Amino acid sequence: MTGVYKIKTHEQLKAIADPLRTKILMNLVKNAYTGQQLAEILSITRNNIYFHLKELEKHGIIHVVRKEEKNGIIQKYYRAVAGRFIPEDHLLPSLDLIETSRQVFMETLEVTRSKIEHAPAASFALDSTNVNRRKNIASTYQFHASEENFHAFLEEFKQLMDKHFTMHPAESNSDIQSEEEKSYYMSLVSFQDDNGNINIQ
């Protein structure tokens, strides 16, 4: 899922500000799901999920991408209308959006945690044949930079990814790779932290 959708109204902003709708939207950015599938993924009732899907669809945040008949019942598959959602300037600043953004970061970390928990043991096995080569990395960095330098780093990071890796959408689960290639998962989370000197126990 690619593309950017500009949120134009306060009603649209409030539609995605709900924490549960943020989770729904993040799933629908990655793939198309029915209400039943989302209810199972998020462990909530079907009535609850369909209420939130209706609200997101009403405000143009998601749409039905296909319909399938199963046991005489028409199932609707929903998908986000874009890969990213940003508000128009007249909606900023917005406390609702701040909390929605925080939720997106938290959901990103939860997905990463789940990936780690379900990864095979070989993903974390040590290899003593070459101590300078690694199959994984887990690191946290704290640094100072201007906004200009930070954005320059992000741009160079994207170029570096394109240079060295064959990228696939998260939802594709593509098996198309050479014999030398292995599948890797990388999660990048970075944000301005004015409380950077506070130690979290």
Protein backbone atom coordinates (compact mmCIF):
# COMPACT_ATOMS: atom_id res chain seq x y z
CA MET A 1 0.00 0.00 0.00
CA THR A 2 1.51 3.29 -1.12
CA GLY A 3 0.39 6.88 -1.51
CA VAL A 4 -0.54 9.68 0.88
CA TYR A 5 -4.08 10.74 1.78
CA LYS A 6 -4.61 14.25 3.13
CA ILE A 7 -7.11 14.49 5.97
CA LYS A 8 -9.26 17.53 5.25
CA THR A 9 -11.83 17.73 8.06
CA HIS A 10 -11.96 17.54 11.84
CA GLU A 11 -14.51 14.75 11.48
CA GLN A 12 -12.01 12.63 9.52
CA LEU A 13 -9.35 13.40 12.12
CA LYS A 14 -11.59 12.26 14.95
CA ALA A 15 -12.53 9.13 12.97
CA ILE A 16 -8.93 7.86 13.07
CA ALA A 17 -8.06 9.25 16.53
CA ASP A 18 -9.72 6.35 18.37
CA PRO A 19 -7.00 3.85 19.48
CA LEU A 20 -8.95 0.85 18.20
CA ARG A 21 -9.54 2.49 14.82
CA THR A 22 -5.83 3.22 14.62
CA LYS A 23 -5.17 -0.52 15.04
CA ILE A 24 -7.81 -1.34 12.42
CA LEU A 25 -6.33 1.17 9.99
CA MET A 26 -2.78 -0.10 10.46
CA ASN A 27 -3.94 -3.61 9.58
CA LEU A 28 -5.84 -2.36 6.55
CA VAL A 29 -2.78 -0.46 5.32
CA LYS A 30 -0.94 -3.81 5.21
CA ASN A 31 -3.66 -5.98 3.73
CA ALA A 32 -7.36 -6.36 2.84
CA TYR A 33 -9.49 -8.00 5.52
CA THR A 34 -13.12 -8.77 6.23
CA GLY A 35 -14.74 -7.58 9.42
CA GLN A 36 -14.69 -11.15 10.75
CA GLN A 37 -10.95 -11.45 10.09
CA LEU A 38 -10.24 -8.14 11.84
CA ALA A 39 -12.40 -9.16 14.80
CA GLU A 40 -10.27 -12.29 15.19
CA ILE A 41 -6.98 -10.43 14.73
CA LEU A 42 -7.89 -7.77 17.31
CA SER A 43 -9.87 -10.10 19.63
CA ILE A 44 -13.04 -8.00 19.65
CA THR A 45 -16.67 -8.70 18.78
CA ARG A 46 -17.96 -8.53 15.22
CA ASN A 47 -20.56 -5.92 16.17
CA ASN A 48 -17.82 -3.71 17.58
CA ILE A 49 -15.55 -4.09 14.55
CA TYR A 50 -18.35 -3.39 12.06
CA PHE A 51 -19.29 -0.19 13.92
CA HIS A 52 -15.74 1.13 13.58
CA LEU A 53 -15.41 -0.04 9.97
CA LYS A 54 -18.61 1.83 9.13
CA GLU A 55 -17.23 5.02 10.68
CA LEU A 56 -13.92 4.76 8.84
CA GLU A 57 -15.68 4.01 5.54
CA LYS A 58 -18.13 6.88 6.02
CA HIS A 59 -15.26 9.33 6.33
CA GLY A 60 -13.37 7.98 3.30
CA ILE A 61 -10.48 6.49 5.25
CA ILE A 62 -11.10 2.91 4.09
CA HIS A 63 -13.08 1.36 1.24
CA VAL A 64 -14.33 -2.01 0.03
CA VAL A 65 -11.86 -3.46 -2.47
CA ARG A 66 -13.69 -6.70 -3.26
CA LYS A 67 -16.64 -8.89 -2.32
CA GLU A 68 -16.73 -12.67 -2.07
CA GLU A 69 -19.63 -15.03 -1.47
CA LYS A 70 -19.13 -17.72 1.18
CA ASN A 71 -21.92 -20.04 2.29
CA GLY A 72 -24.47 -17.71 0.75
CA ILE A 73 -23.09 -14.68 2.64
CA ILE A 74 -21.44 -11.76 0.86
CA GLN A 75 -18.16 -10.89 2.57
CA LYS A 76 -16.66 -7.44 2.11
CA TYR A 77 -12.90 -6.97 2.08
CA TYR A 78 -11.80 -3.56 3.36
CA ARG A 79 -8.54 -1.75 2.65
CA ALA A 80 -7.09 1.62 3.61
CA VAL A 81 -7.30 4.19 0.82
CA ALA A 82 -3.59 5.07 1.25
CA GLY A 83 -0.40 3.98 2.98
CA ARG A 84 -0.02 7.23 4.93
CA PHE A 85 -2.45 9.77 6.32
CA ILE A 86 -1.44 13.37 7.00
CA PRO A 87 -3.64 16.32 8.01
CA GLU A 88 -3.93 19.55 6.09
CA ASP A 89 -2.29 22.52 7.78
CA HIS A 90 -5.52 24.07 9.05
CA LEU A 91 -6.10 21.01 11.27
CA LEU A 92 -2.82 21.46 13.13
CA PRO A 93 -1.90 21.37 15.93
CA SER A 94 -4.12 18.48 17.01
CA LEU A 95 -3.95 16.63 20.31
CA ASP A 96 -6.03 13.82 18.77
CA LEU A 97 -3.45 13.36 16.03
CA ILE A 98 -0.58 13.38 18.53
CA GLU A 99 -2.11 10.47 20.41
CA THR A 100 -2.91 8.68 17.15
CA SER A 101 0.74 9.01 16.10
CA ARG A 102 1.86 7.68 19.48
CA GLN A 103 -0.47 4.70 19.00
CA VAL A 104 1.05 3.99 15.56
CA PHE A 105 4.52 3.84 17.15
CA MET A 106 3.26 1.52 19.88
CA GLU A 107 1.60 -0.77 17.33
CA THR A 108 4.83 -0.87 15.31
CA LEU A 109 6.68 -2.06 18.40
CA GLU A 110 4.00 -4.67 19.14
CA VAL A 111 4.29 -6.09 15.62
CA THR A 112 8.07 -6.24 16.03
CA ARG A 113 7.70 -7.97 19.40
CA SER A 114 5.40 -10.56 17.83
CA LYS A 115 7.87 -11.12 14.97
CA ILE A 116 10.68 -11.73 17.47
CA GLU A 117 8.60 -14.11 19.57
CA HIS A 118 7.65 -16.23 16.54
CA ALA A 119 10.98 -16.15 14.71
CA PRO A 120 12.86 -19.49 14.51
CA ALA A 121 15.70 -20.16 16.94
CA ALA A 122 18.18 -19.95 14.06
CA SER A 123 17.44 -16.22 13.81
CA PHE A 124 19.27 -15.66 17.10
CA ALA A 125 21.89 -18.44 17.02
CA LEU A 126 25.47 -17.24 17.45
CA ASP A 127 28.05 -17.97 14.77
CA SER A 128 31.69 -18.06 15.83
CA THR A 129 33.11 -18.57 12.33
CA ASN A 130 33.36 -14.84 11.68
CA VAL A 131 32.90 -12.51 14.65
CA ASN A 132 32.76 -9.47 12.37
CA ARG A 133 29.67 -10.69 10.50
CA ARG A 134 26.19 -10.72 12.02
CA LYS A 135 22.81 -12.11 11.02
CA ASN A 136 20.90 -9.75 13.33
CA ILE A 137 21.17 -6.54 15.33
CA ALA A 138 19.40 -5.08 18.34
CA SER A 139 20.61 -1.59 19.23
CA THR A 140 19.28 1.67 20.62
CA TYR A 141 20.94 5.01 19.93
CA GLN A 142 20.54 8.46 21.43
CA PHE A 143 21.97 11.40 19.54
CA HIS A 144 21.71 15.14 18.92
CA ALA A 145 21.00 16.55 15.46
CA SER A 146 19.31 19.44 13.72
CA GLU A 147 15.99 18.69 12.02
CA GLU A 148 17.71 19.26 8.69
CA ASN A 149 20.41 16.68 9.47
CA PHE A 150 17.85 14.20 10.77
CA HIS A 151 15.78 14.39 7.58
CA ALA A 152 18.94 14.14 5.49
CA PHE A 153 19.82 10.94 7.37
CA LEU A 154 16.35 9.47 6.68
CA GLU A 155 16.71 10.21 2.97
CA GLU A 156 20.16 8.63 2.82
CA PHE A 157 18.84 5.66 4.82
CA LYS A 158 16.11 5.08 2.21
CA GLN A 159 18.69 5.27 -0.57
CA LEU A 160 20.92 2.79 1.28
CA MET A 161 18.02 0.35 1.65
CA ASP A 162 17.28 0.60 -2.07
CA LYS A 163 20.95 0.10 -2.91
CA HIS A 164 21.53 -3.06 -0.88
CA PHE A 165 18.16 -4.78 -0.47
CA THR A 166 15.27 -6.07 -2.54
CA MET A 167 12.24 -4.62 -0.81
CA HIS A 168 8.83 -6.27 -0.66
CA PRO A 169 5.62 -4.88 0.86
CA ALA A 170 5.02 -6.26 4.34
CA GLU A 171 1.79 -7.94 3.24
CA SER A 172 3.19 -9.66 0.14
CA ASN A 173 5.07 -12.52 1.88
CA SER A 174 6.94 -12.86 -1.39
CA ASP A 175 8.99 -16.03 -1.85
CA ILE A 176 10.74 -14.67 -4.93
CA GLN A 177 14.42 -14.50 -4.00
CA SER A 178 17.72 -15.92 -5.14
CA GLU A 179 19.39 -18.88 -3.43
CA GLU A 180 21.88 -16.50 -1.78
CA GLU A 181 19.18 -14.23 -0.36
CA LYS A 182 17.61 -14.68 3.05
CA SER A 183 14.54 -12.93 4.42
CA TYR A 184 15.13 -10.19 7.00
CA TYR A 185 12.78 -8.08 9.11
CA MET A 186 13.77 -4.56 10.14
CA SER A 187 11.81 -2.18 12.34
CA LEU A 188 12.88 1.47 12.51
CA VAL A 189 11.46 3.74 15.22
CA SER A 190 12.87 7.20 15.81
CA PHE A 191 11.43 10.37 17.32
CA GLN A 192 12.43 13.64 18.94
CA ASP A 193 12.75 13.05 22.68
CA ASP A 194 13.17 16.19 24.77
CA ASN A 195 13.24 13.96 27.87
CA GLY A 196 16.25 12.11 26.54
CA ASN A 197 18.23 12.49 29.77
CA ILE A 198 15.56 10.74 31.85
CA ASN A 199 16.41 7.11 32.63
CA ILE A 200 13.48 4.72 32.22
CA GLN A 201 13.75 1.78 34.62
